[in-house]
Amino acid sequence: MAKRQVEDAVMAMAEDLLAGQDVIELVDVEYVKEGSDWYLRVYIDKDGGIDIEDCQALSEKLSDRLDEEDVVPDQYILEVSSPGIDRVLRKERDFVREQGKDVDVTLYAPIDGEKAFTAVLLGYDADTKVLHLDEREIPWDKIAQIRLHIDF
């Protein structure tokens, strides 16, 4: 099973396990190889932040389901955690929730001489798949990564 298929299957399982729990949101799932180890990372969040008990509860349920359905082809390390304060924005609901905040944007190729910049997220047009950042309109397929900006 390909990396994206594993992520999609695990996302569906996690969403099913979280169904009915309006307080916890599934933020993202990633299946990545680091060195010789595969990691299956599941990121969850809720208003006020998640705690270790939230992560442990989902980890136990998801681990059992993963053992039953055997969708991950390799040995892996399962991690369930918060997406962190500099979370990556991936979904339309992320762009709606974080509207008006500063974001760090990395592009696949430079636009107007810039490949990385910080801007205010003004909106997202789901129909045209365009992000509105300051005075720029950037097509979603040009963006390699967008995450919340953190001032230190």
N, C-alpha and C. Protein backbone atom coordinates (compact mmCIF):
# COMPACT_ATOMS: atom_id res chain seq x y z
N MET A 1 0.85 -1.18 0.00
CA MET A 1 0.00 0.00 0.00
C MET A 1 0.89 1.24 0.00
N ALA A 2 0.59 2.20 -0.85
CA ALA A 2 1.38 3.42 -0.98
C ALA A 2 1.20 4.33 0.24
N LYS A 3 2.18 5.20 0.44
CA LYS A 3 2.19 6.13 1.57
C LYS A 3 0.87 6.89 1.71
N ARG A 4 0.39 7.49 0.63
CA ARG A 4 -0.85 8.28 0.68
C ARG A 4 -2.05 7.39 1.01
N GLN A 5 -2.05 6.17 0.49
CA GLN A 5 -3.16 5.24 0.78
C GLN A 5 -3.17 4.87 2.27
N VAL A 6 -1.98 4.66 2.85
CA VAL A 6 -1.89 4.37 4.28
C VAL A 6 -2.44 5.55 5.08
N GLU A 7 -2.00 6.77 4.73
CA GLU A 7 -2.46 7.96 5.44
C GLU A 7 -3.98 8.12 5.33
N ASP A 8 -4.51 7.91 4.14
CA ASP A 8 -5.96 8.04 3.96
C ASP A 8 -6.73 6.99 4.75
N ALA A 9 -6.24 5.75 4.76
CA ALA A 9 -6.90 4.67 5.49
C ALA A 9 -6.87 4.94 7.00
N VAL A 10 -5.73 5.39 7.49
CA VAL A 10 -5.60 5.68 8.92
C VAL A 10 -6.44 6.89 9.29
N MET A 11 -6.50 7.87 8.42
CA MET A 11 -7.34 9.05 8.67
C MET A 11 -8.80 8.62 8.81
N ALA A 12 -9.26 7.75 7.93
CA ALA A 12 -10.65 7.27 8.01
C ALA A 12 -10.89 6.51 9.31
N MET A 13 -9.94 5.68 9.71
CA MET A 13 -10.08 4.94 10.98
C MET A 13 -10.14 5.88 12.17
N ALA A 14 -9.22 6.85 12.20
CA ALA A 14 -9.17 7.78 13.32
C ALA A 14 -10.43 8.63 13.37
N GLU A 15 -10.92 9.09 12.21
CA GLU A 15 -12.16 9.87 12.20
C GLU A 15 -13.33 9.04 12.72
N ASP A 16 -13.35 7.77 12.37
CA ASP A 16 -14.40 6.87 12.86
C ASP A 16 -14.32 6.72 14.37
N LEU A 17 -13.11 6.57 14.89
CA LEU A 17 -12.93 6.42 16.33
C LEU A 17 -13.27 7.70 17.10
N LEU A 18 -13.09 8.84 16.45
CA LEU A 18 -13.37 10.13 17.10
C LEU A 18 -14.81 10.60 16.87
N ALA A 19 -15.55 9.91 16.02
CA ALA A 19 -16.94 10.30 15.72
C ALA A 19 -17.75 10.34 17.01
N GLY A 20 -18.54 11.38 17.14
CA GLY A 20 -19.36 11.53 18.35
C GLY A 20 -18.64 12.26 19.46
N GLN A 21 -17.36 12.48 19.30
CA GLN A 21 -16.59 13.25 20.29
C GLN A 21 -16.35 14.63 19.70
N ASP A 22 -17.33 15.48 19.77
CA ASP A 22 -17.26 16.79 19.12
C ASP A 22 -16.06 17.62 19.58
N VAL A 23 -15.51 17.29 20.73
CA VAL A 23 -14.45 18.14 21.27
C VAL A 23 -13.09 17.87 20.63
N ILE A 24 -12.84 16.67 20.12
CA ILE A 24 -11.53 16.35 19.56
C ILE A 24 -11.59 16.35 18.04
N GLU A 25 -10.64 17.05 17.44
CA GLU A 25 -10.56 17.17 15.98
C GLU A 25 -9.33 16.42 15.48
N LEU A 26 -9.50 15.64 14.44
CA LEU A 26 -8.38 15.01 13.76
C LEU A 26 -7.76 16.06 12.86
N VAL A 27 -6.52 16.41 13.12
CA VAL A 27 -5.85 17.47 12.35
C VAL A 27 -5.15 16.89 11.13
N ASP A 28 -4.40 15.82 11.31
CA ASP A 28 -3.63 15.28 10.20
C ASP A 28 -3.10 13.90 10.54
N VAL A 29 -2.70 13.17 9.50
CA VAL A 29 -2.04 11.88 9.63
C VAL A 29 -0.87 11.90 8.66
N GLU A 30 0.28 11.45 9.14
CA GLU A 30 1.42 11.33 8.23
C GLU A 30 2.13 10.01 8.48
N TYR A 31 2.57 9.42 7.39
CA TYR A 31 3.31 8.15 7.42
C TYR A 31 4.64 8.43 6.76
N VAL A 32 5.70 8.48 7.55
CA VAL A 32 7.01 8.90 7.05
C VAL A 32 8.12 7.96 7.50
N LYS A 33 9.14 7.88 6.68
CA LYS A 33 10.31 7.09 7.02
C LYS A 33 11.41 8.05 7.46
N GLU A 34 11.95 7.80 8.63
CA GLU A 34 13.05 8.59 9.16
C GLU A 34 14.16 7.62 9.51
N GLY A 35 15.26 7.70 8.78
CA GLY A 35 16.32 6.71 8.95
C GLY A 35 15.79 5.36 8.49
N SER A 36 15.91 4.37 9.35
CA SER A 36 15.42 3.04 8.99
C SER A 36 14.03 2.76 9.57
N ASP A 37 13.46 3.73 10.29
CA ASP A 37 12.17 3.53 10.96
C ASP A 37 11.03 4.24 10.25
N TRP A 38 9.87 3.60 10.23
CA TRP A 38 8.64 4.21 9.74
C TRP A 38 7.86 4.75 10.93
N TYR A 39 7.30 5.94 10.79
CA TYR A 39 6.48 6.56 11.82
C TYR A 39 5.10 6.83 11.26
N LEU A 40 4.10 6.47 12.04
CA LEU A 40 2.72 6.79 11.73
C LEU A 40 2.30 7.81 12.77
N ARG A 41 2.17 9.06 12.33
CA ARG A 41 1.86 10.16 13.26
C ARG A 41 0.44 10.64 13.03
N VAL A 42 -0.29 10.73 14.13
CA VAL A 42 -1.67 11.18 14.11
C VAL A 42 -1.74 12.42 15.00
N TYR A 43 -2.21 13.52 14.43
CA TYR A 43 -2.28 14.78 15.17
C TYR A 43 -3.73 15.11 15.47
N ILE A 44 -4.00 15.38 16.76
CA ILE A 44 -5.35 15.74 17.20
C ILE A 44 -5.30 17.04 17.99
N ASP A 45 -6.46 17.68 18.08
CA ASP A 45 -6.52 18.94 18.82
C ASP A 45 -7.94 19.15 19.33
N LYS A 46 -8.09 20.06 20.25
CA LYS A 46 -9.41 20.50 20.73
C LYS A 46 -9.25 21.87 21.33
N ASP A 47 -10.36 22.58 21.50
CA ASP A 47 -10.31 23.90 22.13
C ASP A 47 -9.65 23.76 23.49
N GLY A 48 -8.69 24.61 23.76
CA GLY A 48 -7.97 24.54 25.03
C GLY A 48 -6.79 23.59 24.98
N GLY A 49 -6.63 22.85 23.88
CA GLY A 49 -5.50 21.93 23.73
C GLY A 49 -5.81 20.54 24.24
N ILE A 50 -5.06 19.60 23.74
CA ILE A 50 -5.24 18.21 24.17
C ILE A 50 -4.28 17.90 25.30
N ASP A 51 -4.54 16.80 26.00
CA ASP A 51 -3.63 16.38 27.05
C ASP A 51 -3.20 14.93 26.78
N ILE A 52 -2.34 14.43 27.63
CA ILE A 52 -1.78 13.09 27.43
C ILE A 52 -2.86 12.02 27.44
N GLU A 53 -3.92 12.22 28.22
CA GLU A 53 -5.00 11.24 28.27
C GLU A 53 -5.74 11.15 26.94
N ASP A 54 -5.93 12.31 26.28
CA ASP A 54 -6.57 12.32 24.96
C ASP A 54 -5.73 11.51 23.97
N CYS A 55 -4.43 11.75 23.99
CA CYS A 55 -3.53 11.05 23.07
C CYS A 55 -3.49 9.55 23.36
N GLN A 56 -3.41 9.22 24.64
CA GLN A 56 -3.34 7.81 25.02
C GLN A 56 -4.61 7.06 24.64
N ALA A 57 -5.77 7.68 24.87
CA ALA A 57 -7.04 7.02 24.56
C ALA A 57 -7.14 6.71 23.07
N LEU A 58 -6.82 7.68 22.22
CA LEU A 58 -6.89 7.43 20.79
C LEU A 58 -5.81 6.45 20.35
N SER A 59 -4.63 6.56 20.91
CA SER A 59 -3.54 5.67 20.55
C SER A 59 -3.91 4.21 20.80
N GLU A 60 -4.51 3.93 21.95
CA GLU A 60 -4.90 2.56 22.29
C GLU A 60 -5.97 2.03 21.34
N LYS A 61 -6.99 2.84 21.09
CA LYS A 61 -8.07 2.42 20.19
C LYS A 61 -7.57 2.24 18.76
N LEU A 62 -6.76 3.19 18.31
CA LEU A 62 -6.26 3.15 16.94
C LEU A 62 -5.28 1.98 16.75
N SER A 63 -4.46 1.72 17.74
CA SER A 63 -3.52 0.61 17.67
C SER A 63 -4.26 -0.72 17.49
N ASP A 64 -5.33 -0.89 18.26
CA ASP A 64 -6.14 -2.11 18.13
C ASP A 64 -6.74 -2.22 16.73
N ARG A 65 -7.28 -1.12 16.22
CA ARG A 65 -7.91 -1.12 14.89
C ARG A 65 -6.87 -1.39 13.80
N LEU A 66 -5.70 -0.79 13.96
CA LEU A 66 -4.64 -1.01 12.97
C LEU A 66 -4.19 -2.47 12.95
N ASP A 67 -4.14 -3.10 14.12
CA ASP A 67 -3.80 -4.52 14.19
C ASP A 67 -4.86 -5.37 13.49
N GLU A 68 -6.13 -5.01 13.68
CA GLU A 68 -7.23 -5.76 13.06
C GLU A 68 -7.23 -5.63 11.54
N GLU A 69 -7.06 -4.40 11.05
CA GLU A 69 -7.24 -4.14 9.63
C GLU A 69 -5.94 -4.25 8.82
N ASP A 70 -4.79 -4.23 9.49
CA ASP A 70 -3.50 -4.46 8.86
C ASP A 70 -3.30 -3.66 7.56
N VAL A 71 -3.45 -2.33 7.65
CA VAL A 71 -3.31 -1.48 6.47
C VAL A 71 -1.91 -0.89 6.30
N VAL A 72 -1.06 -1.06 7.30
CA VAL A 72 0.29 -0.51 7.23
C VAL A 72 1.24 -1.65 6.85
N PRO A 73 1.92 -1.53 5.70
CA PRO A 73 2.71 -2.63 5.20
C PRO A 73 4.04 -2.88 5.93
N ASP A 74 4.53 -1.90 6.65
CA ASP A 74 5.82 -2.00 7.32
C ASP A 74 5.65 -1.96 8.83
N GLN A 75 6.71 -2.35 9.55
CA GLN A 75 6.71 -2.12 10.98
C GLN A 75 6.80 -0.61 11.17
N TYR A 76 6.11 -0.09 12.19
CA TYR A 76 6.05 1.36 12.37
C TYR A 76 5.94 1.70 13.84
N ILE A 77 6.20 2.96 14.13
CA ILE A 77 6.03 3.50 15.47
C ILE A 77 4.82 4.43 15.40
N LEU A 78 3.81 4.18 16.22
CA LEU A 78 2.61 5.01 16.25
C LEU A 78 2.79 6.13 17.25
N GLU A 79 2.56 7.36 16.80
CA GLU A 79 2.60 8.53 17.68
C GLU A 79 1.30 9.30 17.52
N VAL A 80 0.65 9.59 18.64
CA VAL A 80 -0.54 10.43 18.64
C VAL A 80 -0.20 11.65 19.47
N SER A 81 -0.34 12.85 18.87
CA SER A 81 0.08 14.04 19.59
C SER A 81 -0.64 15.28 19.09
N SER A 82 -0.32 16.40 19.70
CA SER A 82 -0.81 17.70 19.28
C SER A 82 -0.06 18.14 18.03
N PRO A 83 -0.69 18.95 17.17
CA PRO A 83 0.03 19.44 16.00
C PRO A 83 1.03 20.54 16.35
N GLY A 84 1.03 21.01 17.59
CA GLY A 84 1.97 22.05 18.01
C GLY A 84 1.47 23.45 17.69
N ILE A 85 2.15 24.44 18.24
CA ILE A 85 1.69 25.81 18.06
C ILE A 85 2.02 26.35 16.67
N ASP A 86 2.97 25.72 15.99
CA ASP A 86 3.31 26.16 14.63
C ASP A 86 2.76 25.16 13.61
N ARG A 87 1.55 24.72 13.86
CA ARG A 87 0.92 23.66 13.08
C ARG A 87 0.89 23.97 11.58
N VAL A 88 1.01 22.91 10.81
CA VAL A 88 0.88 23.00 9.37
C VAL A 88 -0.61 23.10 9.05
N LEU A 89 -0.97 23.99 8.12
CA LEU A 89 -2.35 24.15 7.69
C LEU A 89 -2.53 23.36 6.40
N ARG A 90 -3.52 22.45 6.38
CA ARG A 90 -3.71 21.59 5.22
C ARG A 90 -5.14 21.59 4.70
N LYS A 91 -6.08 21.80 5.57
CA LYS A 91 -7.48 21.63 5.20
C LYS A 91 -8.21 22.97 5.16
N GLU A 92 -9.30 22.98 4.44
CA GLU A 92 -10.08 24.22 4.33
C GLU A 92 -10.46 24.75 5.70
N ARG A 93 -10.84 23.86 6.61
CA ARG A 93 -11.23 24.33 7.95
C ARG A 93 -10.07 24.98 8.69
N ASP A 94 -8.82 24.56 8.38
CA ASP A 94 -7.65 25.21 8.97
C ASP A 94 -7.56 26.67 8.52
N PHE A 95 -7.80 26.89 7.23
CA PHE A 95 -7.71 28.24 6.68
C PHE A 95 -8.81 29.14 7.20
N VAL A 96 -9.98 28.57 7.43
CA VAL A 96 -11.09 29.35 7.99
C VAL A 96 -10.78 29.71 9.44
N ARG A 97 -10.34 28.71 10.24
CA ARG A 97 -10.07 28.92 11.66
C ARG A 97 -8.93 29.90 11.89
N GLU A 98 -7.91 29.86 11.05
CA GLU A 98 -6.72 30.67 11.28
C GLU A 98 -6.71 31.98 10.49
N GLN A 99 -7.82 32.31 9.88
CA GLN A 99 -7.93 33.55 9.10
C GLN A 99 -7.58 34.74 9.98
N GLY A 100 -6.81 35.66 9.41
CA GLY A 100 -6.40 36.86 10.14
C GLY A 100 -5.08 36.70 10.88
N LYS A 101 -4.52 35.49 10.88
CA LYS A 101 -3.26 35.24 11.58
C LYS A 101 -2.09 35.25 10.60
N ASP A 102 -0.90 35.48 11.15
CA ASP A 102 0.32 35.41 10.35
C ASP A 102 0.66 33.95 10.06
N VAL A 103 1.08 33.68 8.83
CA VAL A 103 1.48 32.34 8.42
C VAL A 103 2.82 32.40 7.70
N ASP A 104 3.58 31.33 7.81
CA ASP A 104 4.82 31.18 7.06
C ASP A 104 4.51 30.33 5.84
N VAL A 105 4.84 30.83 4.68
CA VAL A 105 4.51 30.18 3.42
C VAL A 105 5.79 29.79 2.69
N THR A 106 5.85 28.54 2.24
CA THR A 106 6.94 28.07 1.40
C THR A 106 6.35 27.60 0.09
N LEU A 107 6.90 28.09 -1.00
CA LEU A 107 6.40 27.76 -2.33
C LEU A 107 7.30 26.71 -2.99
N TYR A 108 6.75 25.99 -3.95
CA TYR A 108 7.56 25.04 -4.72
C TYR A 108 8.56 25.77 -5.61
N ALA A 109 8.16 26.90 -6.15
CA ALA A 109 9.03 27.71 -7.01
C ALA A 109 8.76 29.18 -6.70
N PRO A 110 9.77 30.03 -6.85
CA PRO A 110 9.58 31.45 -6.52
C PRO A 110 8.48 32.12 -7.33
N ILE A 111 7.76 33.00 -6.67
CA ILE A 111 6.80 33.89 -7.31
C ILE A 111 7.25 35.30 -6.97
N ASP A 112 7.44 36.13 -7.98
CA ASP A 112 7.96 37.49 -7.79
C ASP A 112 9.26 37.48 -6.99
N GLY A 113 10.11 36.47 -7.25
CA GLY A 113 11.41 36.39 -6.61
C GLY A 113 11.42 35.82 -5.21
N GLU A 114 10.27 35.45 -4.67
CA GLU A 114 10.21 34.91 -3.31
C GLU A 114 9.73 33.47 -3.31
N LYS A 115 10.46 32.65 -2.53
CA LYS A 115 10.05 31.25 -2.38
C LYS A 115 9.52 30.99 -0.97
N ALA A 116 9.86 31.86 -0.02
CA ALA A 116 9.39 31.73 1.36
C ALA A 116 9.13 33.13 1.91
N PHE A 117 8.01 33.28 2.61
CA PHE A 117 7.66 34.58 3.17
C PHE A 117 6.62 34.40 4.28
N THR A 118 6.44 35.46 5.05
CA THR A 118 5.42 35.50 6.09
C THR A 118 4.35 36.48 5.64
N ALA A 119 3.08 36.11 5.82
CA ALA A 119 1.97 36.97 5.40
C ALA A 119 0.78 36.75 6.31
N VAL A 120 -0.21 37.63 6.19
CA VAL A 120 -1.46 37.45 6.92
C VAL A 120 -2.40 36.62 6.05
N LEU A 121 -2.96 35.57 6.63
CA LEU A 121 -3.92 34.72 5.93
C LEU A 121 -5.27 35.44 5.92
N LEU A 122 -5.67 35.92 4.77
CA LEU A 122 -6.92 36.67 4.65
C LEU A 122 -8.10 35.79 4.27
N GLY A 123 -7.84 34.68 3.62
CA GLY A 123 -8.93 33.81 3.23
C GLY A 123 -8.51 32.72 2.27
N TYR A 124 -9.47 31.86 1.97
CA TYR A 124 -9.25 30.74 1.06
C TYR A 124 -10.50 30.57 0.23
N ASP A 125 -10.33 30.52 -1.07
CA ASP A 125 -11.46 30.32 -1.97
C ASP A 125 -11.47 28.85 -2.37
N ALA A 126 -12.42 28.10 -1.83
CA ALA A 126 -12.49 26.66 -2.08
C ALA A 126 -12.81 26.34 -3.54
N ASP A 127 -13.55 27.22 -4.20
CA ASP A 127 -13.91 26.97 -5.60
C ASP A 127 -12.71 27.08 -6.53
N THR A 128 -11.89 28.10 -6.32
CA THR A 128 -10.74 28.31 -7.21
C THR A 128 -9.45 27.75 -6.62
N LYS A 129 -9.50 27.27 -5.36
CA LYS A 129 -8.32 26.73 -4.66
C LYS A 129 -7.20 27.77 -4.60
N VAL A 130 -7.57 28.98 -4.20
CA VAL A 130 -6.63 30.09 -4.10
C VAL A 130 -6.60 30.59 -2.66
N LEU A 131 -5.38 30.79 -2.14
CA LEU A 131 -5.21 31.39 -0.82
C LEU A 131 -4.99 32.89 -0.99
N HIS A 132 -5.62 33.66 -0.13
CA HIS A 132 -5.47 35.11 -0.13
C HIS A 132 -4.54 35.46 1.03
N LEU A 133 -3.35 35.95 0.67
CA LEU A 133 -2.30 36.25 1.64
C LEU A 133 -1.85 37.69 1.43
N ASP A 134 -2.10 38.56 2.41
CA ASP A 134 -1.84 39.99 2.25
C ASP A 134 -2.47 40.44 0.93
N GLU A 135 -1.67 40.98 0.02
CA GLU A 135 -2.23 41.40 -1.27
C GLU A 135 -2.00 40.38 -2.37
N ARG A 136 -1.63 39.19 -2.00
CA ARG A 136 -1.33 38.14 -2.98
C ARG A 136 -2.45 37.11 -3.03
N GLU A 137 -2.64 36.59 -4.21
CA GLU A 137 -3.53 35.45 -4.38
C GLU A 137 -2.67 34.34 -4.96
N ILE A 138 -2.52 33.25 -4.20
CA ILE A 138 -1.62 32.18 -4.61
C ILE A 138 -2.40 30.88 -4.76
N PRO A 139 -2.33 30.26 -5.93
CA PRO A 139 -2.99 28.97 -6.11
C PRO A 139 -2.44 27.92 -5.15
N TRP A 140 -3.33 27.11 -4.62
CA TRP A 140 -2.97 26.09 -3.64
C TRP A 140 -1.87 25.17 -4.16
N ASP A 141 -1.89 24.83 -5.45
CA ASP A 141 -0.92 23.88 -5.99
C ASP A 141 0.49 24.47 -6.09
N LYS A 142 0.66 25.75 -5.83
CA LYS A 142 1.98 26.38 -5.83
C LYS A 142 2.62 26.38 -4.45
N ILE A 143 1.83 26.03 -3.42
CA ILE A 143 2.29 26.11 -2.03
C ILE A 143 2.81 24.75 -1.56
N ALA A 144 4.08 24.73 -1.17
CA ALA A 144 4.68 23.50 -0.65
C ALA A 144 4.24 23.28 0.80
N GLN A 145 4.21 24.36 1.58
CA GLN A 145 3.80 24.24 2.98
C GLN A 145 3.35 25.60 3.49
N ILE A 146 2.36 25.57 4.36
CA ILE A 146 1.91 26.78 5.04
C ILE A 146 1.67 26.40 6.50
N ARG A 147 2.26 27.18 7.39
CA ARG A 147 2.10 26.89 8.82
C ARG A 147 1.94 28.19 9.60
N LEU A 148 1.39 28.08 10.79
CA LEU A 148 1.23 29.26 11.63
C LEU A 148 2.59 29.85 11.96
N HIS A 149 2.68 31.16 11.90
CA HIS A 149 3.90 31.87 12.23
C HIS A 149 3.98 32.09 13.73
N ILE A 150 5.14 31.87 14.28
CA ILE A 150 5.34 32.07 15.72
C ILE A 150 6.36 33.19 15.91
N ASP A 151 5.98 34.22 16.67
CA ASP A 151 6.91 35.29 17.03
C ASP A 151 7.57 34.94 18.35
N PHE A 152 8.88 35.04 18.38
CA PHE A 152 9.59 34.77 19.64
C PHE A 152 10.14 36.04 20.20
